[in-house]
Amino acid sequence: MKHRLERVNELIRRELGEIVTREFRFESKLVTLQQVDITPDLKHAHIFVSFIGTEDECRSDMASLHSKRSALQQALSKRVILKYTPHLHFKVDEAMERGSRVLNIMGELDPLPPDEYNDERPGSV
């Protein structure tokens, strides 16, 4: 059953991505549907969307997605045949921001001086 949900997640992500690309014009420079998580009963789908742009552009684009939700569901129902067309829930995916923050923190750390490295590691000559 788990593999079926994974296949449905990927199918919805791909088809919804094509619909959004054709039907929408966004203010943000880049809008990406990162991931879809559908509930086991196939009635609700959580779509994680990432934006590259200013905060105002991102808010505006997210509001646009929410306002067109029913039209997107209808277009999706014509392309993906399921017993129920899932109710779409759009959420901002902040994974890129978290990853960027972690990389910035790692860049700020001071590296160890060369004399503190342990040269007697297993496998060293």
PDB file of N, CA and C in Angstrom:
ATOM      1  N   MET A   1       0.832  -1.194   0.000  1.00  0.00           N
ATOM      2  CA  MET A   1       0.000   0.000   0.000  1.00  0.00           C
ATOM      3  C   MET A   1       0.873   1.252   0.000  1.00  0.00           C
ATOM      4  N   LYS A   2       2.005   1.211   0.706  1.00  0.00           N
ATOM      5  CA  LYS A   2       2.868   2.372   0.782  1.00  0.00           C
ATOM      6  C   LYS A   2       3.388   2.762  -0.595  1.00  0.00           C
ATOM      7  N   HIS A   3       3.723   1.779  -1.405  1.00  0.00           N
ATOM      8  CA  HIS A   3       4.240   2.073  -2.737  1.00  0.00           C
ATOM      9  C   HIS A   3       3.172   2.740  -3.599  1.00  0.00           C
ATOM     10  N   ARG A   4       1.930   2.386  -3.401  1.00  0.00           N
ATOM     11  CA  ARG A   4       0.851   3.011  -4.159  1.00  0.00           C
ATOM     12  C   ARG A   4       0.763   4.497  -3.817  1.00  0.00           C
ATOM     13  N   LEU A   5       0.847   4.824  -2.530  1.00  0.00           N
ATOM     14  CA  LEU A   5       0.798   6.223  -2.122  1.00  0.00           C
ATOM     15  C   LEU A   5       1.967   7.013  -2.713  1.00  0.00           C
ATOM     16  N   GLU A   6       3.141   6.415  -2.750  1.00  0.00           N
ATOM     17  CA  GLU A   6       4.300   7.082  -3.335  1.00  0.00           C
ATOM     18  C   GLU A   6       4.086   7.342  -4.818  1.00  0.00           C
ATOM     19  N   ARG A   7       3.516   6.371  -5.526  1.00  0.00           N
ATOM     20  CA  ARG A   7       3.244   6.556  -6.953  1.00  0.00           C
ATOM     21  C   ARG A   7       2.197   7.633  -7.179  1.00  0.00           C
ATOM     22  N   VAL A   8       1.152   7.652  -6.349  1.00  0.00           N
ATOM     23  CA  VAL A   8       0.105   8.673  -6.469  1.00  0.00           C
ATOM     24  C   VAL A   8       0.683  10.046  -6.143  1.00  0.00           C
ATOM     25  N   ASN A   9       1.526  10.143  -5.121  1.00  0.00           N
ATOM     26  CA  ASN A   9       2.178  11.417  -4.779  1.00  0.00           C
ATOM     27  C   ASN A   9       2.961  11.959  -5.974  1.00  0.00           C
ATOM     28  N   GLU A  10       3.754  11.109  -6.586  1.00  0.00           N
ATOM     29  CA  GLU A  10       4.576  11.536  -7.718  1.00  0.00           C
ATOM     30  C   GLU A  10       3.713  11.910  -8.921  1.00  0.00           C
ATOM     31  N   LEU A  11       2.672  11.144  -9.172  1.00  0.00           N
ATOM     32  CA  LEU A  11       1.774  11.437 -10.296  1.00  0.00           C
ATOM     33  C   LEU A  11       1.082  12.789 -10.102  1.00  0.00           C
ATOM     34  N   ILE A  12       0.591  13.038  -8.914  1.00  0.00           N
ATOM     35  CA  ILE A  12      -0.080  14.314  -8.636  1.00  0.00           C
ATOM     36  C   ILE A  12       0.914  15.465  -8.732  1.00  0.00           C
ATOM     37  N   ARG A  13       2.116  15.286  -8.211  1.00  0.00           N
ATOM     38  CA  ARG A  13       3.131  16.342  -8.280  1.00  0.00           C
ATOM     39  C   ARG A  13       3.462  16.690  -9.730  1.00  0.00           C
ATOM     40  N   ARG A  14       3.637  15.673 -10.543  1.00  0.00           N
ATOM     41  CA  ARG A  14       3.992  15.899 -11.948  1.00  0.00           C
ATOM     42  C   ARG A  14       2.855  16.569 -12.719  1.00  0.00           C
ATOM     43  N   GLU A  15       1.642  16.040 -12.590  1.00  0.00           N
ATOM     44  CA  GLU A  15       0.500  16.592 -13.326  1.00  0.00           C
ATOM     45  C   GLU A  15       0.139  17.990 -12.844  1.00  0.00           C
ATOM     46  N   LEU A  16       0.144  18.196 -11.534  1.00  0.00           N
ATOM     47  CA  LEU A  16      -0.171  19.515 -10.987  1.00  0.00           C
ATOM     48  C   LEU A  16       0.900  20.525 -11.391  1.00  0.00           C
ATOM     49  N   GLY A  17       2.154  20.091 -11.448  1.00  0.00           N
ATOM     50  CA  GLY A  17       3.230  20.959 -11.899  1.00  0.00           C
ATOM     51  C   GLY A  17       3.011  21.425 -13.330  1.00  0.00           C
ATOM     52  N   GLU A  18       2.573  20.511 -14.202  1.00  0.00           N
ATOM     53  CA  GLU A  18       2.290  20.890 -15.587  1.00  0.00           C
ATOM     54  C   GLU A  18       1.111  21.853 -15.673  1.00  0.00           C
ATOM     55  N   ILE A  19       0.085  21.611 -14.890  1.00  0.00           N
ATOM     56  CA  ILE A  19      -1.094  22.489 -14.892  1.00  0.00           C
ATOM     57  C   ILE A  19      -0.703  23.886 -14.415  1.00  0.00           C
ATOM     58  N   VAL A  20       0.029  23.949 -13.323  1.00  0.00           N
ATOM     59  CA  VAL A  20       0.431  25.234 -12.757  1.00  0.00           C
ATOM     60  C   VAL A  20       1.344  25.980 -13.725  1.00  0.00           C
ATOM     61  N   THR A  21       2.245  25.270 -14.382  1.00  0.00           N
ATOM     62  CA  THR A  21       3.156  25.906 -15.334  1.00  0.00           C
ATOM     63  C   THR A  21       2.395  26.521 -16.502  1.00  0.00           C
ATOM     64  N   ARG A  22       1.385  25.833 -16.991  1.00  0.00           N
ATOM     65  CA  ARG A  22       0.619  26.336 -18.139  1.00  0.00           C
ATOM     66  C   ARG A  22      -0.368  27.425 -17.772  1.00  0.00           C
ATOM     67  N   GLU A  23      -1.008  27.310 -16.616  1.00  0.00           N
ATOM     68  CA  GLU A  23      -2.134  28.169 -16.270  1.00  0.00           C
ATOM     69  C   GLU A  23      -1.774  29.410 -15.458  1.00  0.00           C
ATOM     70  N   PHE A  24      -0.636  29.414 -14.790  1.00  0.00           N
ATOM     71  CA  PHE A  24      -0.318  30.488 -13.854  1.00  0.00           C
ATOM     72  C   PHE A  24       0.858  31.326 -14.319  1.00  0.00           C
ATOM     73  N   ARG A  25       0.824  32.583 -13.947  1.00  0.00           N
ATOM     74  CA  ARG A  25       1.959  33.493 -14.065  1.00  0.00           C
ATOM     75  C   ARG A  25       2.225  34.022 -12.668  1.00  0.00           C
ATOM     76  N   PHE A  26       3.429  33.794 -12.190  1.00  0.00           N
ATOM     77  CA  PHE A  26       3.776  34.155 -10.826  1.00  0.00           C
ATOM     78  C   PHE A  26       4.657  35.395 -10.797  1.00  0.00           C
ATOM     79  N   GLU A  27       4.598  36.107  -9.679  1.00  0.00           N
ATOM     80  CA  GLU A  27       5.467  37.264  -9.464  1.00  0.00           C
ATOM     81  C   GLU A  27       6.865  36.824  -9.064  1.00  0.00           C
ATOM     82  N   SER A  28       6.966  35.716  -8.338  1.00  0.00           N
ATOM     83  CA  SER A  28       8.270  35.209  -7.905  1.00  0.00           C
ATOM     84  C   SER A  28       9.076  34.764  -9.115  1.00  0.00           C
ATOM     85  N   LYS A  29      10.379  34.759  -8.938  1.00  0.00           N
ATOM     86  CA  LYS A  29      11.247  34.371 -10.032  1.00  0.00           C
ATOM     87  C   LYS A  29      11.165  32.885 -10.336  1.00  0.00           C
ATOM     88  N   LEU A  30      10.934  32.080  -9.301  1.00  0.00           N
ATOM     89  CA  LEU A  30      10.840  30.634  -9.487  1.00  0.00           C
ATOM     90  C   LEU A  30       9.866  30.060  -8.471  1.00  0.00           C
ATOM     91  N   VAL A  31       8.942  29.246  -8.959  1.00  0.00           N
ATOM     92  CA  VAL A  31       7.981  28.552  -8.104  1.00  0.00           C
ATOM     93  C   VAL A  31       8.095  27.072  -8.426  1.00  0.00           C
ATOM     94  N   THR A  32       8.295  26.262  -7.403  1.00  0.00           N
ATOM     95  CA  THR A  32       8.487  24.835  -7.602  1.00  0.00           C
ATOM     96  C   THR A  32       7.587  24.046  -6.670  1.00  0.00           C
ATOM     97  N   LEU A  33       6.912  23.047  -7.230  1.00  0.00           N
ATOM     98  CA  LEU A  33       6.155  22.104  -6.410  1.00  0.00           C
ATOM     99  C   LEU A  33       7.155  21.044  -5.967  1.00  0.00           C
ATOM    100  N   GLN A  34       7.557  21.105  -4.708  1.00  0.00           N
ATOM    101  CA  GLN A  34       8.616  20.241  -4.206  1.00  0.00           C
ATOM    102  C   GLN A  34       8.143  18.824  -3.898  1.00  0.00           C
ATOM    103  N   GLN A  35       7.003  18.725  -3.214  1.00  0.00           N
ATOM    104  CA  GLN A  35       6.580  17.423  -2.724  1.00  0.00           C
ATOM    105  C   GLN A  35       5.076  17.414  -2.546  1.00  0.00           C
ATOM    106  N   VAL A  36       4.499  16.232  -2.703  1.00  0.00           N
ATOM    107  CA  VAL A  36       3.080  16.020  -2.435  1.00  0.00           C
ATOM    108  C   VAL A  36       2.968  14.886  -1.432  1.00  0.00           C
ATOM    109  N   ASP A  37       2.188  15.104  -0.391  1.00  0.00           N
ATOM    110  CA  ASP A  37       1.887  14.055   0.584  1.00  0.00           C
ATOM    111  C   ASP A  37       0.380  13.863   0.586  1.00  0.00           C
ATOM    112  N   ILE A  38      -0.061  12.702   0.151  1.00  0.00           N
ATOM    113  CA  ILE A  38      -1.483  12.419   0.119  1.00  0.00           C
ATOM    114  C   ILE A  38      -1.834  11.522   1.297  1.00  0.00           C
ATOM    115  N   THR A  39      -3.004  11.740   1.865  1.00  0.00           N
ATOM    116  CA  THR A  39      -3.430  10.919   2.990  1.00  0.00           C
ATOM    117  C   THR A  39      -3.770   9.512   2.491  1.00  0.00           C
ATOM    118  N   PRO A  40      -3.704   8.516   3.366  1.00  0.00           N
ATOM    119  CA  PRO A  40      -3.984   7.140   2.943  1.00  0.00           C
ATOM    120  C   PRO A  40      -5.380   6.935   2.346  1.00  0.00           C
ATOM    121  N   ASP A  41      -6.363   7.762   2.725  1.00  0.00           N
ATOM    122  CA  ASP A  41      -7.699   7.621   2.141  1.00  0.00           C
ATOM    123  C   ASP A  41      -7.840   8.367   0.813  1.00  0.00           C
ATOM    124  N   LEU A  42      -6.759   9.006   0.348  1.00  0.00           N
ATOM    125  CA  LEU A  42      -6.681   9.723  -0.931  1.00  0.00           C
ATOM    126  C   LEU A  42      -7.629  10.916  -1.032  1.00  0.00           C
ATOM    127  N   LYS A  43      -8.057  11.449   0.108  1.00  0.00           N
ATOM    128  CA  LYS A  43      -9.007  12.562   0.080  1.00  0.00           C
ATOM    129  C   LYS A  43      -8.342  13.923   0.258  1.00  0.00           C
ATOM    130  N   HIS A  44      -7.138  13.963   0.794  1.00  0.00           N
ATOM    131  CA  HIS A  44      -6.445  15.227   1.025  1.00  0.00           C
ATOM    132  C   HIS A  44      -5.006  15.097   0.533  1.00  0.00           C
ATOM    133  N   ALA A  45      -4.536  16.137  -0.153  1.00  0.00           N
ATOM    134  CA  ALA A  45      -3.153  16.176  -0.627  1.00  0.00           C
ATOM    135  C   ALA A  45      -2.516  17.473  -0.143  1.00  0.00           C
ATOM    136  N   HIS A  46      -1.387  17.337   0.528  1.00  0.00           N
ATOM    137  CA  HIS A  46      -0.632  18.496   1.004  1.00  0.00           C
ATOM    138  C   HIS A  46       0.491  18.735   0.006  1.00  0.00           C
ATOM    139  N   ILE A  47       0.452  19.898  -0.644  1.00  0.00           N
ATOM    140  CA  ILE A  47       1.430  20.238  -1.665  1.00  0.00           C
ATOM    141  C   ILE A  47       2.401  21.250  -1.082  1.00  0.00           C
ATOM    142  N   PHE A  48       3.687  20.894  -1.064  1.00  0.00           N
ATOM    143  CA  PHE A  48       4.720  21.769  -0.540  1.00  0.00           C
ATOM    144  C   PHE A  48       5.342  22.533  -1.701  1.00  0.00           C
ATOM    145  N   VAL A  49       5.255  23.867  -1.622  1.00  0.00           N
ATOM    146  CA  VAL A  49       5.685  24.745  -2.702  1.00  0.00           C
ATOM    147  C   VAL A  49       6.836  25.617  -2.205  1.00  0.00           C
ATOM    148  N   SER A  50       7.874  25.761  -3.040  1.00  0.00           N
ATOM    149  CA  SER A  50       8.971  26.664  -2.683  1.00  0.00           C
ATOM    150  C   SER A  50       9.002  27.821  -3.671  1.00  0.00           C
ATOM    151  N   PHE A  51       9.392  28.975  -3.166  1.00  0.00           N
ATOM    152  CA  PHE A  51       9.437  30.200  -3.954  1.00  0.00           C
ATOM    153  C   PHE A  51      10.823  30.808  -3.871  1.00  0.00           C
ATOM    154  N   ILE A  52      11.270  31.394  -4.961  1.00  0.00           N
ATOM    155  CA  ILE A  52      12.468  32.219  -4.952  1.00  0.00           C
ATOM    156  C   ILE A  52      12.012  33.600  -5.384  1.00  0.00           C
ATOM    157  N   GLY A  53      12.112  34.537  -4.475  1.00  0.00           N
ATOM    158  CA  GLY A  53      11.667  35.902  -4.721  1.00  0.00           C
ATOM    159  C   GLY A  53      11.561  36.641  -3.404  1.00  0.00           C
ATOM    160  N   THR A  54      11.012  37.833  -3.461  1.00  0.00           N
ATOM    161  CA  THR A  54      10.847  38.602  -2.236  1.00  0.00           C
ATOM    162  C   THR A  54       9.706  38.025  -1.411  1.00  0.00           C
ATOM    163  N   GLU A  55       9.660  38.418  -0.165  1.00  0.00           N
ATOM    164  CA  GLU A  55       8.621  37.928   0.742  1.00  0.00           C
ATOM    165  C   GLU A  55       7.225  38.303   0.239  1.00  0.00           C
ATOM    166  N   ASP A  56       7.076  39.532  -0.273  1.00  0.00           N
ATOM    167  CA  ASP A  56       5.769  39.978  -0.789  1.00  0.00           C
ATOM    168  C   ASP A  56       5.355  39.173  -2.013  1.00  0.00           C
ATOM    169  N   GLU A  57       6.309  38.876  -2.899  1.00  0.00           N
ATOM    170  CA  GLU A  57       6.003  38.063  -4.083  1.00  0.00           C
ATOM    171  C   GLU A  57       5.561  36.667  -3.670  1.00  0.00           C
ATOM    172  N   CYS A  58       6.243  36.103  -2.679  1.00  0.00           N
ATOM    173  CA  CYS A  58       5.897  34.759  -2.211  1.00  0.00           C
ATOM    174  C   CYS A  58       4.492  34.731  -1.619  1.00  0.00           C
ATOM    175  N   ARG A  59       4.178  35.733  -0.796  1.00  0.00           N
ATOM    176  CA  ARG A  59       2.826  35.796  -0.210  1.00  0.00           C
ATOM    177  C   ARG A  59       1.764  35.937  -1.290  1.00  0.00           C
ATOM    178  N   SER A  60       2.031  36.782  -2.261  1.00  0.00           N
ATOM    179  CA  SER A  60       1.085  37.009  -3.350  1.00  0.00           C
ATOM    180  C   SER A  60       0.868  35.726  -4.164  1.00  0.00           C
ATOM    181  N   ASP A  61       1.959  35.020  -4.452  1.00  0.00           N
ATOM    182  CA  ASP A  61       1.855  33.785  -5.233  1.00  0.00           C
ATOM    183  C   ASP A  61       1.134  32.684  -4.456  1.00  0.00           C
ATOM    184  N   MET A  62       1.374  32.617  -3.154  1.00  0.00           N
ATOM    185  CA  MET A  62       0.688  31.622  -2.332  1.00  0.00           C
ATOM    186  C   MET A  62      -0.803  31.933  -2.271  1.00  0.00           C
ATOM    187  N   ALA A  63      -1.161  33.206  -2.150  1.00  0.00           N
ATOM    188  CA  ALA A  63      -2.568  33.600  -2.150  1.00  0.00           C
ATOM    189  C   ALA A  63      -3.214  33.258  -3.487  1.00  0.00           C
ATOM    190  N   SER A  64      -2.479  33.415  -4.561  1.00  0.00           N
ATOM    191  CA  SER A  64      -2.992  33.069  -5.890  1.00  0.00           C
ATOM    192  C   SER A  64      -3.268  31.568  -5.987  1.00  0.00           C
ATOM    193  N   LEU A  65      -2.358  30.762  -5.462  1.00  0.00           N
ATOM    194  CA  LEU A  65      -2.582  29.307  -5.475  1.00  0.00           C
ATOM    195  C   LEU A  65      -3.814  28.934  -4.660  1.00  0.00           C
ATOM    196  N   HIS A  66      -3.962  29.554  -3.484  1.00  0.00           N
ATOM    197  CA  HIS A  66      -5.124  29.257  -2.642  1.00  0.00           C
ATOM    198  C   HIS A  66      -6.422  29.677  -3.314  1.00  0.00           C
ATOM    199  N   SER A  67      -6.409  30.803  -3.989  1.00  0.00           N
ATOM    200  CA  SER A  67      -7.646  31.282  -4.618  1.00  0.00           C
ATOM    201  C   SER A  67      -8.047  30.430  -5.813  1.00  0.00           C
ATOM    202  N   LYS A  68      -7.098  29.813  -6.479  1.00  0.00           N
ATOM    203  CA  LYS A  68      -7.382  28.974  -7.656  1.00  0.00           C
ATOM    204  C   LYS A  68      -7.435  27.487  -7.317  1.00  0.00           C
ATOM    205  N   ARG A  69      -7.496  27.152  -6.031  1.00  0.00           N
ATOM    206  CA  ARG A  69      -7.466  25.757  -5.592  1.00  0.00           C
ATOM    207  C   ARG A  69      -8.543  24.906  -6.235  1.00  0.00           C
ATOM    208  N   SER A  70      -9.771  25.390  -6.266  1.00  0.00           N
ATOM    209  CA  SER A  70     -10.860  24.571  -6.816  1.00  0.00           C
ATOM    210  C   SER A  70     -10.677  24.341  -8.314  1.00  0.00           C
ATOM    211  N   ALA A  71     -10.206  25.351  -9.041  1.00  0.00           N
ATOM    212  CA  ALA A  71      -9.956  25.175 -10.477  1.00  0.00           C
ATOM    213  C   ALA A  71      -8.821  24.178 -10.694  1.00  0.00           C
ATOM    214  N   LEU A  72      -7.809  24.227  -9.835  1.00  0.00           N
ATOM    215  CA  LEU A  72      -6.711  23.262  -9.943  1.00  0.00           C
ATOM    216  C   LEU A  72      -7.200  21.843  -9.656  1.00  0.00           C
ATOM    217  N   GLN A  73      -8.049  21.694  -8.650  1.00  0.00           N
ATOM    218  CA  GLN A  73      -8.608  20.376  -8.341  1.00  0.00           C
ATOM    219  C   GLN A  73      -9.403  19.845  -9.527  1.00  0.00           C
ATOM    220  N   GLN A  74     -10.187  20.703 -10.152  1.00  0.00           N
ATOM    221  CA  GLN A  74     -10.997  20.278 -11.292  1.00  0.00           C
ATOM    222  C   GLN A  74     -10.102  19.859 -12.464  1.00  0.00           C
ATOM    223  N   ALA A  75      -9.075  20.655 -12.748  1.00  0.00           N
ATOM    224  CA  ALA A  75      -8.164  20.303 -13.837  1.00  0.00           C
ATOM    225  C   ALA A  75      -7.409  19.013 -13.514  1.00  0.00           C
ATOM    226  N   LEU A  76      -7.047  18.834 -12.255  1.00  0.00           N
ATOM    227  CA  LEU A  76      -6.347  17.617 -11.838  1.00  0.00           C
ATOM    228  C   LEU A  76      -7.252  16.398 -11.979  1.00  0.00           C
ATOM    229  N   SER A  77      -8.530  16.558 -11.670  1.00  0.00           N
ATOM    230  CA  SER A  77      -9.450  15.424 -11.757  1.00  0.00           C
ATOM    231  C   SER A  77      -9.620  14.936 -13.192  1.00  0.00           C
ATOM    232  N   LYS A  78      -9.400  15.811 -14.158  1.00  0.00           N
ATOM    233  CA  LYS A  78      -9.500  15.399 -15.565  1.00  0.00           C
ATOM    234  C   LYS A  78      -8.257  14.662 -16.029  1.00  0.00           C
ATOM    235  N   ARG A  79      -7.143  14.899 -15.361  1.00  0.00           N
ATOM    236  CA  ARG A  79      -5.876  14.284 -15.777  1.00  0.00           C
ATOM    237  C   ARG A  79      -5.495  13.056 -14.968  1.00  0.00           C
ATOM    238  N   VAL A  80      -5.938  13.005 -13.709  1.00  0.00           N
ATOM    239  CA  VAL A  80      -5.624  11.877 -12.828  1.00  0.00           C
ATOM    240  C   VAL A  80      -6.939  11.272 -12.362  1.00  0.00           C
ATOM    241  N   ILE A  81      -7.180  10.043 -12.750  1.00  0.00           N
ATOM    242  CA  ILE A  81      -8.432   9.374 -12.413  1.00  0.00           C
ATOM    243  C   ILE A  81      -8.243   8.594 -11.115  1.00  0.00           C
ATOM    244  N   LEU A  82      -8.888   9.078 -10.070  1.00  0.00           N
ATOM    245  CA  LEU A  82      -8.906   8.416  -8.773  1.00  0.00           C
ATOM    246  C   LEU A  82     -10.352   8.328  -8.308  1.00  0.00           C
ATOM    247  N   LYS A  83     -10.611   7.485  -7.324  1.00  0.00           N
ATOM    248  CA  LYS A  83     -11.970   7.378  -6.790  1.00  0.00           C
ATOM    249  C   LYS A  83     -12.429   8.729  -6.251  1.00  0.00           C
ATOM    250  N   TYR A  84     -11.543   9.401  -5.522  1.00  0.00           N
ATOM    251  CA  TYR A  84     -11.818  10.742  -5.011  1.00  0.00           C
ATOM    252  C   TYR A  84     -10.747  11.678  -5.556  1.00  0.00           C
ATOM    253  N   THR A  85     -11.150  12.861  -5.933  1.00  0.00           N
ATOM    254  CA  THR A  85     -10.153  13.877  -6.262  1.00  0.00           C
ATOM    255  C   THR A  85      -9.730  14.508  -4.945  1.00  0.00           C
ATOM    256  N   PRO A  86      -8.443  14.479  -4.643  1.00  0.00           N
ATOM    257  CA  PRO A  86      -8.011  14.978  -3.335  1.00  0.00           C
ATOM    258  C   PRO A  86      -8.221  16.483  -3.194  1.00  0.00           C
ATOM    259  N   HIS A  87      -8.544  16.881  -1.976  1.00  0.00           N
ATOM    260  CA  HIS A  87      -8.657  18.289  -1.620  1.00  0.00           C
ATOM    261  C   HIS A  87      -7.226  18.813  -1.457  1.00  0.00           C
ATOM    262  N   LEU A  88      -6.873  19.863  -2.190  1.00  0.00           N
ATOM    263  CA  LEU A  88      -5.504  20.355  -2.204  1.00  0.00           C
ATOM    264  C   LEU A  88      -5.261  21.349  -1.072  1.00  0.00           C
ATOM    265  N   HIS A  89      -4.165  21.152  -0.368  1.00  0.00           N
ATOM    266  CA  HIS A  89      -3.735  22.047   0.708  1.00  0.00           C
ATOM    267  C   HIS A  89      -2.316  22.503   0.368  1.00  0.00           C
ATOM    268  N   PHE A  90      -2.141  23.790   0.071  1.00  0.00           N
ATOM    269  CA  PHE A  90      -0.830  24.314  -0.292  1.00  0.00           C
ATOM    270  C   PHE A  90      -0.104  24.805   0.948  1.00  0.00           C
ATOM    271  N   LYS A  91       1.177  24.437   1.040  1.00  0.00           N
ATOM    272  CA  LYS A  91       2.013  24.841   2.172  1.00  0.00           C
ATOM    273  C   LYS A  91       3.368  25.283   1.629  1.00  0.00           C
ATOM    274  N   VAL A  92       3.948  26.264   2.293  1.00  0.00           N
ATOM    275  CA  VAL A  92       5.268  26.746   1.890  1.00  0.00           C
ATOM    276  C   VAL A  92       6.320  25.754   2.382  1.00  0.00           C
ATOM    277  N   ASP A  93       7.181  25.317   1.468  1.00  0.00           N
ATOM    278  CA  ASP A  93       8.277  24.418   1.814  1.00  0.00           C
ATOM    279  C   ASP A  93       9.494  25.272   2.146  1.00  0.00           C
ATOM    280  N   GLU A  94       9.931  25.220   3.385  1.00  0.00           N
ATOM    281  CA  GLU A  94      11.031  26.050   3.841  1.00  0.00           C
ATOM    282  C   GLU A  94      12.338  25.272   3.941  1.00  0.00           C
ATOM    283  N   ALA A  95      12.431  24.144   3.273  1.00  0.00           N
ATOM    284  CA  ALA A  95      13.635  23.316   3.352  1.00  0.00           C
ATOM    285  C   ALA A  95      14.851  24.037   2.789  1.00  0.00           C
ATOM    286  N   MET A  96      14.667  24.794   1.697  1.00  0.00           N
ATOM    287  CA  MET A  96      15.806  25.503   1.104  1.00  0.00           C
ATOM    288  C   MET A  96      16.337  26.561   2.062  1.00  0.00           C
ATOM    289  N   GLU A  97      15.439  27.279   2.738  1.00  0.00           N
ATOM    290  CA  GLU A  97      15.878  28.299   3.685  1.00  0.00           C
ATOM    291  C   GLU A  97      16.602  27.674   4.861  1.00  0.00           C
ATOM    292  N   ARG A  98      16.085  26.537   5.364  1.00  0.00           N
ATOM    293  CA  ARG A  98      16.748  25.857   6.482  1.00  0.00           C
ATOM    294  C   ARG A  98      18.124  25.359   6.064  1.00  0.00           C
ATOM    295  N   GLY A  99      18.218  24.773   4.871  1.00  0.00           N
ATOM    296  CA  GLY A  99      19.502  24.287   4.376  1.00  0.00           C
ATOM    297  C   GLY A  99      20.502  25.407   4.193  1.00  0.00           C
ATOM    298  N   SER A 100      20.044  26.527   3.664  1.00  0.00           N
ATOM    299  CA  SER A 100      20.906  27.689   3.476  1.00  0.00           C
ATOM    300  C   SER A 100      21.397  28.211   4.821  1.00  0.00           C
ATOM    301  N   ARG A 101      20.513  28.231   5.810  1.00  0.00           N
ATOM    302  CA  ARG A 101      20.875  28.699   7.144  1.00  0.00           C
ATOM    303  C   ARG A 101      21.931  27.785   7.766  1.00  0.00           C
ATOM    304  N   VAL A 102      21.768  26.484   7.619  1.00  0.00           N
ATOM    305  CA  VAL A 102      22.746  25.530   8.160  1.00  0.00           C
ATOM    306  C   VAL A 102      24.106  25.725   7.492  1.00  0.00           C
ATOM    307  N   LEU A 103      24.110  25.909   6.162  1.00  0.00           N
ATOM    308  CA  LEU A 103      25.374  26.124   5.460  1.00  0.00           C
ATOM    309  C   LEU A 103      26.045  27.418   5.897  1.00  0.00           C
ATOM    310  N   ASN A 104      25.257  28.462   6.142  1.00  0.00           N
ATOM    311  CA  ASN A 104      25.830  29.722   6.636  1.00  0.00           C
ATOM    312  C   ASN A 104      26.447  29.551   8.016  1.00  0.00           C
ATOM    313  N   ILE A 105      25.766  28.818   8.887  1.00  0.00           N
ATOM    314  CA  ILE A 105      26.296  28.577  10.235  1.00  0.00           C
ATOM    315  C   ILE A 105      27.587  27.763  10.153  1.00  0.00           C
ATOM    316  N   MET A 106      27.602  26.751   9.291  1.00  0.00           N
ATOM    317  CA  MET A 106      28.808  25.936   9.142  1.00  0.00           C
ATOM    318  C   MET A 106      29.962  26.763   8.597  1.00  0.00           C
ATOM    319  N   GLY A 107      29.663  27.707   7.703  1.00  0.00           N
ATOM    320  CA  GLY A 107      30.705  28.568   7.148  1.00  0.00           C
ATOM    321  C   GLY A 107      31.289  29.514   8.173  1.00  0.00           C
ATOM    322  N   GLU A 108      30.505  29.864   9.191  1.00  0.00           N
ATOM    323  CA  GLU A 108      30.976  30.771  10.234  1.00  0.00           C
ATOM    324  C   GLU A 108      31.849  30.074  11.274  1.00  0.00           C
ATOM    325  N   LEU A 109      31.811  28.763  11.340  1.00  0.00           N
ATOM    326  CA  LEU A 109      32.614  28.023  12.319  1.00  0.00           C
ATOM    327  C   LEU A 109      34.089  28.096  11.957  1.00  0.00           C
ATOM    328  N   ASP A 110      34.929  28.173  12.984  1.00  0.00           N
ATOM    329  CA  ASP A 110      36.369  28.182  12.761  1.00  0.00           C
ATOM    330  C   ASP A 110      36.840  26.751  12.537  1.00  0.00           C
ATOM    331  N   PRO A 111      37.620  26.532  11.476  1.00  0.00           N
ATOM    332  CA  PRO A 111      38.147  25.174  11.269  1.00  0.00           C
ATOM    333  C   PRO A 111      39.228  24.871  12.309  1.00  0.00           C
ATOM    334  N   LEU A 112      39.441  23.584  12.560  1.00  0.00           N
ATOM    335  CA  LEU A 112      40.486  23.172  13.504  1.00  0.00           C
ATOM    336  C   LEU A 112      41.855  23.450  12.905  1.00  0.00           C
ATOM    337  N   PRO A 113      42.803  23.894  13.724  1.00  0.00           N
ATOM    338  CA  PRO A 113      44.168  24.064  13.216  1.00  0.00           C
ATOM    339  C   PRO A 113      44.733  22.704  12.808  1.00  0.00           C
ATOM    340  N   PRO A 114      45.682  22.679  11.858  1.00  0.00           N
ATOM    341  CA  PRO A 114      46.202  21.395  11.359  1.00  0.00           C
ATOM    342  C   PRO A 114      46.807  20.503  12.434  1.00  0.00           C
ATOM    343  N   ASP A 115      47.389  21.073  13.509  1.00  0.00           N
ATOM    344  CA  ASP A 115      48.029  20.237  14.529  1.00  0.00           C
ATOM    345  C   ASP A 115      47.008  19.502  15.403  1.00  0.00           C
ATOM    346  N   GLU A 116      45.731  19.870  15.342  1.00  0.00           N
ATOM    347  CA  GLU A 116      44.726  19.197  16.158  1.00  0.00           C
ATOM    348  C   GLU A 116      44.092  18.000  15.449  1.00  0.00           C
ATOM    349  N   TYR A 117      44.436  17.797  14.174  1.00  0.00           N
ATOM    350  CA  TYR A 117      43.925  16.623  13.480  1.00  0.00           C
ATOM    351  C   TYR A 117      44.635  15.392  14.009  1.00  0.00           C
ATOM    352  N   ASN A 118      43.927  14.293  14.098  1.00  0.00           N
ATOM    353  CA  ASN A 118      44.497  13.056  14.569  1.00  0.00           C
ATOM    354  C   ASN A 118      45.053  12.297  13.365  1.00  0.00           C
ATOM    355  N   ASP A 119      46.370  12.233  13.235  1.00  0.00           N
ATOM    356  CA  ASP A 119      46.986  11.576  12.089  1.00  0.00           C
ATOM    357  C   ASP A 119      47.026  10.062  12.250  1.00  0.00           C
ATOM    358  N   GLU A 120      46.681   9.562  13.411  1.00  0.00           N
ATOM    359  CA  GLU A 120      46.747   8.135  13.635  1.00  0.00           C
ATOM    360  C   GLU A 120      45.390   7.486  13.439  1.00  0.00           C
ATOM    361  N   ARG A 121      44.712   7.876  12.404  1.00  0.00           N
ATOM    362  CA  ARG A 121      43.417   7.268  12.068  1.00  0.00           C
ATOM    363  C   ARG A 121      43.634   5.907  11.469  1.00  0.00           C
ATOM    364  N   PRO A 122      42.675   5.002  11.621  1.00  0.00           N
ATOM    365  CA  PRO A 122      42.806   3.689  10.996  1.00  0.00           C
ATOM    366  C   PRO A 122      42.950   3.835   9.495  1.00  0.00           C
ATOM    367  N   GLY A 123      43.901   3.133   8.942  1.00  0.00           N
ATOM    368  CA  GLY A 123      44.099   3.141   7.503  1.00  0.00           C
ATOM    369  C   GLY A 123      45.092   4.187   7.041  1.00  0.00           C
ATOM    370  N   SER A 124      45.598   5.053   7.945  1.00  0.00           N
ATOM    371  CA  SER A 124      46.585   6.064   7.515  1.00  0.00           C
ATOM    372  C   SER A 124      47.963   5.429   7.539  1.00  0.00           C
ATOM    373  N   VAL A 125      48.847   5.916   6.685  1.00  0.00           N
ATOM    374  CA  VAL A 125      50.174   5.345   6.559  1.00  0.00           C
ATOM    375  C   VAL A 125      51.197   6.173   7.275  1.00  0.00           C
TER     376      VAL A 125
END
